[in-house]
Amino acid sequence: MWLEAVRAAEEKQAHNVRVLDLREVTTFADYFVILNGSNTRQIQAIADEIHLHLKKLGEMPNSVEGYDNADWILMDYGDYLVHIFSDKARLYYDLERLWRDAKTVELPAATT
């Protein structure tokens, strides 16, 4: 389902999309989906699109944090977490560095 979240985010022009495979690093989640939006409205629109897209597939988040501030929205879907960042917040928190032992997942090309 994490790939469905990626595709939904791409529909709202998310950029710098990266997926980390955490299965060999930790047990609390299998994947991190990390991506950026350009501004508050776009970050919220990306979160909304992911939520609506996954809801249609029967997938609901356990929790959503940071929506109102929209500097970093965290959507917890259990096996995977979606992190939607502003450019500034992504640089500051630098999850890719913190989770550098995780493997980066090669994203398949989107089909039209």
Protein backbone atom coordinates (compact mmCIF):
# COMPACT_ATOMS: atom_id res chain seq x y z
CA MET A 1 0.00 0.00 0.00
CA TRP A 2 2.93 2.38 0.49
CA LEU A 3 3.26 2.56 -3.31
CA GLU A 4 -0.37 3.69 -3.51
CA ALA A 5 0.51 6.49 -1.09
CA VAL A 6 3.44 7.47 -3.32
CA ARG A 7 1.23 7.55 -6.43
CA ALA A 8 -1.39 9.67 -4.66
CA ALA A 9 1.32 12.12 -3.53
CA GLU A 10 2.70 12.32 -7.06
CA GLU A 11 -0.77 13.31 -8.30
CA LYS A 12 -0.38 16.46 -6.17
CA GLN A 13 3.14 17.14 -7.45
CA ALA A 14 5.03 15.96 -4.37
CA HIS A 15 8.76 16.12 -4.97
CA ASN A 16 11.91 14.46 -3.63
CA VAL A 17 9.99 11.25 -3.01
CA ARG A 18 12.00 8.59 -1.23
CA VAL A 19 11.01 5.29 0.34
CA LEU A 20 13.12 3.62 3.01
CA ASP A 21 12.84 -0.09 3.75
CA LEU A 22 13.11 -0.38 7.54
CA ARG A 23 12.43 -4.11 7.87
CA GLU A 24 16.05 -4.99 8.68
CA VAL A 25 16.53 -1.95 10.93
CA THR A 26 13.52 -1.78 13.26
CA THR A 27 10.25 -3.52 14.08
CA PHE A 28 7.84 -0.58 14.54
CA ALA A 29 7.33 -0.02 10.79
CA ASP A 30 8.33 -1.63 7.52
CA TYR A 31 8.63 1.50 5.36
CA PHE A 32 9.02 5.26 5.55
CA VAL A 33 7.61 7.24 2.64
CA ILE A 34 9.36 10.62 2.71
CA LEU A 35 8.44 13.48 0.40
CA ASN A 36 8.21 17.23 0.10
CA GLY A 37 5.56 19.78 -0.71
CA SER A 38 6.34 23.35 -1.71
CA ASN A 39 4.10 25.19 0.74
CA THR A 40 1.50 24.67 3.49
CA ARG A 41 -1.44 24.34 1.12
CA GLN A 42 0.32 21.83 -1.11
CA ILE A 43 1.52 19.79 1.87
CA GLN A 44 -2.06 19.58 3.16
CA ALA A 45 -3.35 18.78 -0.34
CA ILE A 46 -0.86 15.91 -0.60
CA ALA A 47 -1.99 14.56 2.78
CA ASP A 48 -5.64 14.87 1.73
CA GLU A 49 -5.01 13.06 -1.55
CA ILE A 50 -3.16 10.23 0.16
CA HIS A 51 -5.93 9.91 2.74
CA LEU A 52 -8.71 9.85 0.12
CA HIS A 53 -6.87 7.48 -2.20
CA LEU A 54 -6.05 4.97 0.51
CA LYS A 55 -9.51 5.25 2.09
CA LYS A 56 -11.00 4.11 -1.24
CA LEU A 57 -8.78 1.04 -0.94
CA GLY A 58 -9.96 0.39 2.63
CA GLU A 59 -6.82 1.73 4.29
CA MET A 60 -7.21 4.24 7.14
CA PRO A 61 -4.40 5.86 9.12
CA ASN A 62 -3.91 5.02 12.78
CA SER A 63 -3.10 8.67 13.33
CA VAL A 64 -2.23 11.89 11.53
CA GLU A 65 -0.01 14.48 13.19
CA GLY A 66 0.99 18.00 12.17
CA TYR A 67 -1.80 18.68 9.67
CA ASP A 68 -2.68 22.17 10.93
CA ASN A 69 0.90 23.43 11.00
CA ALA A 70 1.78 21.48 7.81
CA ASP A 71 5.53 21.83 8.23
CA TRP A 72 5.75 18.06 8.73
CA ILE A 73 2.67 15.88 8.43
CA LEU A 74 3.07 12.33 9.71
CA MET A 75 0.50 9.77 8.57
CA ASP A 76 0.80 6.46 10.45
CA TYR A 77 -0.59 3.49 8.55
CA GLY A 78 0.96 0.88 10.82
CA ASP A 79 3.30 -1.01 8.50
CA TYR A 80 4.36 2.22 6.82
CA LEU A 81 4.57 5.88 7.77
CA VAL A 82 4.18 8.78 5.36
CA HIS A 83 6.24 11.88 6.14
CA ILE A 84 5.23 14.98 4.17
CA PHE A 85 7.75 17.77 4.75
CA SER A 86 8.34 21.37 3.88
CA ASP A 87 11.80 21.75 2.37
CA LYS A 88 13.07 23.45 5.54
CA ALA A 89 11.70 20.78 7.90
CA ARG A 90 13.08 17.93 5.80
CA LEU A 91 16.56 19.42 5.94
CA TYR A 92 16.26 20.03 9.67
CA TYR A 93 15.00 16.56 10.68
CA ASP A 94 17.02 14.71 8.01
CA LEU A 95 15.32 11.33 8.41
CA GLU A 96 17.43 9.84 5.65
CA ARG A 97 20.54 10.48 7.76
CA LEU A 98 18.93 9.23 10.97
CA TRP A 99 17.80 6.04 9.21
CA ARG A 100 20.87 5.70 6.98
CA ASP A 101 21.05 1.95 7.71
CA ALA A 102 17.72 1.47 5.93
CA LYS A 103 17.72 0.50 2.28
CA THR A 104 16.35 2.95 -0.27
CA VAL A 105 13.57 1.39 -2.34
CA GLU A 106 13.75 1.85 -6.10
CA LEU A 107 10.37 3.26 -7.15
CA PRO A 108 8.81 1.66 -10.22
CA ALA A 109 7.89 4.04 -13.03
CA ALA A 110 4.33 5.32 -12.85
CA THR A 111 1.96 3.87 -15.40
CA THR A 112 -0.46 6.14 -17.19
